Amino acid sequence: MSKYTQDKNYIYYKNTNVPINKLNIRDLKTLEEEERKLLLEGYKYFHENLTDSTAFDEIYFKELQRKTFHKLYDFAGKYRTVNISKGFSTFCQVRFLEQTSREIFKKFAYENYLKDYSTKPKEEFANKIAYYMCEIIALHPFFELNGRTTRLFFDLIATYNGYEYIDYQGALETEDGDNKFIKASIDCMIGNDSQMNQIILNGLKRSE
C-alpha cells in the first residue's frame, strides 16, 4: 500500500503509511490481510444481492465501499475532503469532485449503467468499461481503496451481463514488479484508455 500525498495528511498513523483503522492495526501486512477478507465478503454479499432492479449509480458505488470496509475504516463509503496525489498523478481537485462525480454517473445512467451489453460484442462492452473505469480512476473519490472498489463495481456489472469477474491476472503486480494496471491507470489521467481497454478485453470471459 503506497501512501498518498494530501493537503491535510490525517488518515494515517503518524510517520507511517498505515491508515487509521477501527481495529487499531499498526502492521501493514496484517491490515492488508484484513482488507482482503472484507473484500471477499463484499464480493459475496453484493453478488448474492444483484438483481434486475440494481442501479449501478453513485449511491450504489459509495455503498459498495461503505458496506465492504465500514468495519475497518470510518471513511469507508465517504468521498474524500482533501486533495490527493500519488507520484506525478494529481487526482480530481476536491472542490470539483462532487460535481464531476454527478456528471460521470449522469452519463452512466443515460447508458443504463451498461446493463444492456449481454448480447452485444465483447469489444463494445470492454470499450465502455475501460472508458468509465478511467473516468472513476481520474476522479479517485475515496481516501483509500479506490482501485479495489472500482474493480468490484465493474466486476458486478460484468456479472450482470453474463460474464465472469474481470480477470486481471498478468495486469496487476507480478513478481518482477511490473504492474500493467497501474500503467494503464496513469494513462487514464491523460485521457488515454487504450491500455485499460486491452486489459479489460483480455479479462472478459463469458460465464458457462
Protein backbone atom coordinates (compact mmCIF):
# COMPACT_ATOMS: atom_id res chain seq x y z
CA MET A 1 0.00 0.00 0.00
CA SER A 2 1.52 3.30 -1.07
CA LYS A 3 0.89 6.45 0.87
CA TYR A 4 -0.96 9.30 -0.82
CA THR A 5 0.24 12.87 -0.60
CA GLN A 6 -2.52 15.04 0.85
CA ASP A 7 -3.03 18.67 1.63
CA LYS A 8 -4.28 17.52 5.08
CA ASN A 9 -2.43 14.37 5.97
CA TYR A 10 -4.61 12.93 8.72
CA ILE A 11 -5.80 9.46 7.72
CA TYR A 12 -2.51 7.72 8.54
CA TYR A 13 -0.92 6.93 11.86
CA LYS A 14 1.91 9.38 12.45
CA ASN A 15 5.06 8.67 10.43
CA THR A 16 3.54 5.57 8.79
CA ASN A 17 1.68 4.60 5.64
CA VAL A 18 -0.88 2.69 7.71
CA PRO A 19 -4.39 4.22 7.60
CA ILE A 20 -6.03 4.84 10.96
CA ASN A 21 -8.47 1.96 11.47
CA LYS A 22 -11.12 0.84 13.95
CA LEU A 23 -9.14 -2.26 14.94
CA ASN A 24 -6.04 -0.14 15.63
CA ILE A 25 -3.94 -2.44 13.46
CA ARG A 26 -0.50 -0.88 13.06
CA ASP A 27 1.16 -3.61 10.95
CA LEU A 28 0.57 -3.03 7.24
CA LYS A 29 0.60 -6.71 6.23
CA THR A 30 -1.94 -7.57 8.92
CA LEU A 31 -4.12 -4.67 7.81
CA GLU A 32 -3.95 -5.70 4.15
CA GLU A 33 -4.97 -9.24 5.10
CA GLU A 34 -7.99 -7.87 6.93
CA GLU A 35 -8.86 -5.77 3.87
CA ARG A 36 -8.69 -8.88 1.67
CA LYS A 37 -11.07 -10.77 3.96
CA LEU A 38 -13.56 -7.92 3.95
CA LEU A 39 -13.30 -7.55 0.19
CA LEU A 40 -14.15 -11.23 -0.32
CA GLU A 41 -17.14 -10.82 1.97
CA GLY A 42 -18.16 -7.74 -0.02
CA TYR A 43 -18.00 -9.64 -3.30
CA LYS A 44 -20.15 -12.40 -1.84
CA TYR A 45 -22.75 -10.05 -0.39
CA PHE A 46 -23.18 -7.83 -3.45
CA HIS A 47 -23.09 -10.75 -5.88
CA GLU A 48 -25.84 -12.54 -3.98
CA ASN A 49 -27.94 -9.35 -3.91
CA LEU A 50 -27.55 -8.48 -7.60
CA THR A 51 -30.96 -8.21 -9.29
CA ASP A 52 -32.55 -6.77 -12.41
CA SER A 53 -33.51 -3.70 -10.37
CA THR A 54 -29.94 -2.99 -9.25
CA ALA A 55 -28.95 0.52 -10.33
CA PHE A 56 -25.20 0.97 -10.64
CA ASP A 57 -25.47 4.62 -9.66
CA GLU A 58 -23.39 6.86 -7.42
CA ILE A 59 -25.28 5.77 -4.30
CA TYR A 60 -24.58 2.12 -5.08
CA PHE A 61 -20.91 2.87 -5.82
CA LYS A 62 -20.48 4.52 -2.42
CA GLU A 63 -22.40 1.72 -0.72
CA LEU A 64 -20.01 -0.85 -2.18
CA GLN A 65 -17.16 0.65 -0.22
CA ARG A 66 -19.16 1.51 2.89
CA LYS A 67 -20.69 -1.95 3.28
CA THR A 68 -17.44 -3.74 2.45
CA PHE A 69 -15.00 -1.77 4.60
CA HIS A 70 -17.01 0.04 7.31
CA LYS A 71 -15.86 -2.45 9.96
CA LEU A 72 -12.32 -1.23 9.39
CA TYR A 73 -12.50 2.44 8.36
CA ASP A 74 -14.56 5.46 9.39
CA PHE A 75 -14.02 6.93 5.92
CA ALA A 76 -15.46 3.91 4.08
CA GLY A 77 -18.05 4.99 1.53
CA LYS A 78 -17.37 8.70 2.02
CA TYR A 79 -15.86 10.89 -0.66
CA ARG A 80 -12.57 12.45 0.34
CA THR A 81 -12.47 16.05 1.59
CA VAL A 82 -8.83 16.78 0.70
CA ASN A 83 -6.77 16.94 -2.47
CA ILE A 84 -4.57 13.90 -3.00
CA SER A 85 -1.87 12.84 -5.41
CA LYS A 86 0.38 9.85 -5.94
CA GLY A 87 3.71 10.13 -7.71
CA PHE A 88 3.20 12.50 -10.64
CA SER A 89 -0.57 11.91 -10.73
CA THR A 90 -2.85 14.54 -9.22
CA PHE A 91 -6.45 13.40 -8.93
CA CYS A 92 -9.60 15.47 -9.31
CA GLN A 93 -9.45 18.50 -7.04
CA VAL A 94 -11.80 18.11 -4.13
CA ARG A 95 -13.72 21.30 -4.98
CA PHE A 96 -14.79 19.71 -8.27
CA LEU A 97 -15.16 16.13 -7.01
CA GLU A 98 -18.87 16.01 -6.19
CA GLN A 99 -19.88 17.83 -9.37
CA THR A 100 -17.63 15.70 -11.57
CA SER A 101 -18.92 12.53 -9.97
CA ARG A 102 -22.52 13.57 -10.64
CA GLU A 103 -21.66 14.25 -14.27
CA ILE A 104 -19.98 10.85 -14.71
CA PHE A 105 -22.89 8.95 -13.16
CA LYS A 106 -25.46 11.02 -15.07
CA LYS A 107 -23.81 9.92 -18.29
CA PHE A 108 -23.56 6.40 -16.93
CA ALA A 109 -27.31 6.42 -16.18
CA TYR A 110 -28.02 7.57 -19.75
CA GLU A 111 -26.28 4.36 -20.88
CA ASN A 112 -28.43 2.36 -18.43
CA TYR A 113 -25.36 1.63 -16.29
CA LEU A 114 -24.06 -0.69 -19.05
CA LYS A 115 -26.84 -3.17 -18.23
CA ASP A 116 -27.62 -3.79 -21.93
CA TYR A 117 -24.42 -5.49 -23.05
CA SER A 118 -25.26 -9.15 -22.52
CA THR A 119 -25.95 -9.61 -26.23
CA LYS A 120 -23.52 -7.06 -27.65
CA PRO A 121 -19.97 -7.78 -28.83
CA LYS A 122 -17.41 -8.18 -26.07
CA GLU A 123 -15.26 -5.49 -27.71
CA GLU A 124 -18.01 -2.89 -27.28
CA PHE A 125 -18.51 -3.84 -23.66
CA ALA A 126 -14.79 -3.72 -22.89
CA ASN A 127 -14.54 -0.31 -24.52
CA LYS A 128 -17.33 1.08 -22.35
CA ILE A 129 -15.96 -0.40 -19.15
CA ALA A 130 -12.49 0.97 -19.89
CA TYR A 131 -13.90 4.44 -20.56
CA TYR A 132 -15.88 4.66 -17.32
CA MET A 133 -13.21 2.94 -15.28
CA CYS A 134 -10.74 5.57 -16.43
CA GLU A 135 -13.20 8.32 -15.54
CA ILE A 136 -13.52 6.98 -11.99
CA ILE A 137 -9.76 6.39 -11.68
CA ALA A 138 -9.13 10.04 -12.56
CA LEU A 139 -11.85 11.08 -10.11
CA HIS A 140 -10.28 8.95 -7.35
CA PRO A 141 -13.11 9.84 -5.00
CA PHE A 142 -12.21 7.92 -1.83
CA PHE A 143 -9.37 8.37 0.64
CA GLU A 144 -8.23 4.76 0.13
CA LEU A 145 -9.29 1.52 -1.57
CA ASN A 146 -10.24 3.25 -4.81
CA GLY A 147 -8.85 0.53 -7.07
CA ARG A 148 -10.49 -2.35 -5.25
CA THR A 149 -13.84 -0.55 -5.01
CA THR A 150 -13.74 0.34 -8.70
CA ARG A 151 -12.85 -3.20 -9.76
CA LEU A 152 -15.62 -4.60 -7.55
CA PHE A 153 -18.06 -2.16 -9.16
CA PHE A 154 -17.24 -3.22 -12.71
CA ASP A 155 -16.97 -6.90 -11.79
CA LEU A 156 -20.60 -6.73 -10.70
CA ILE A 157 -21.57 -5.02 -13.95
CA ALA A 158 -19.71 -7.73 -15.87
CA THR A 159 -21.54 -10.42 -13.86
CA TYR A 160 -24.88 -8.75 -14.55
CA ASN A 161 -24.17 -9.04 -18.28
CA GLY A 162 -23.33 -12.74 -18.15
CA TYR A 163 -19.56 -12.55 -17.75
CA GLU A 164 -17.29 -13.83 -15.04
CA TYR A 165 -15.44 -11.33 -12.87
CA ILE A 166 -12.86 -9.49 -14.95
CA ASP A 167 -9.59 -11.41 -14.87
CA TYR A 168 -6.71 -9.03 -14.15
CA GLN A 169 -4.15 -11.81 -13.90
CA GLY A 170 -0.95 -10.58 -15.50
CA ALA A 171 -2.11 -6.96 -15.31
CA LEU A 172 -1.76 -6.46 -11.56
CA GLU A 173 1.64 -6.55 -9.88
CA THR A 174 3.80 -9.52 -10.83
CA GLU A 175 6.88 -10.99 -9.17
CA ASP A 176 9.19 -8.74 -11.18
CA GLY A 177 7.26 -5.67 -10.01
CA ASP A 178 5.57 -4.94 -13.33
CA ASN A 179 2.03 -3.61 -12.94
CA LYS A 180 0.22 -3.02 -16.21
CA PHE A 181 -2.93 -1.92 -14.41
CA ILE A 182 -1.11 0.96 -12.71
CA LYS A 183 0.49 1.95 -16.00
CA ALA A 184 -2.92 1.91 -17.67
CA SER A 185 -4.34 3.94 -14.76
CA ILE A 186 -1.66 6.59 -15.24
CA ASP A 187 -2.64 6.77 -18.91
CA CYS A 188 -6.23 7.29 -17.78
CA MET A 189 -5.11 10.51 -16.11
CA ILE A 190 -4.25 11.96 -19.53
CA GLY A 191 -7.41 10.69 -21.20
CA ASN A 192 -5.87 7.61 -22.83
CA ASP A 193 -7.88 4.46 -22.11
CA SER A 194 -6.32 2.21 -24.78
CA GLN A 195 -4.19 0.17 -22.36
CA MET A 196 -7.10 -0.21 -19.93
CA ASN A 197 -9.32 -1.25 -22.82
CA GLN A 198 -6.90 -4.05 -23.72
CA ILE A 199 -6.67 -5.22 -20.10
CA ILE A 200 -10.47 -5.36 -19.82
CA LEU A 201 -10.86 -7.07 -23.19
CA ASN A 202 -8.31 -9.73 -22.24
CA GLY A 203 -10.01 -10.23 -18.89
CA LEU A 204 -13.62 -10.63 -20.03
CA LYS A 205 -14.89 -14.20 -20.30
CA ARG A 206 -18.46 -15.42 -20.63
CA SER A 207 -19.90 -17.37 -17.71
CA GLU A 208 -20.54 -21.00 -18.56
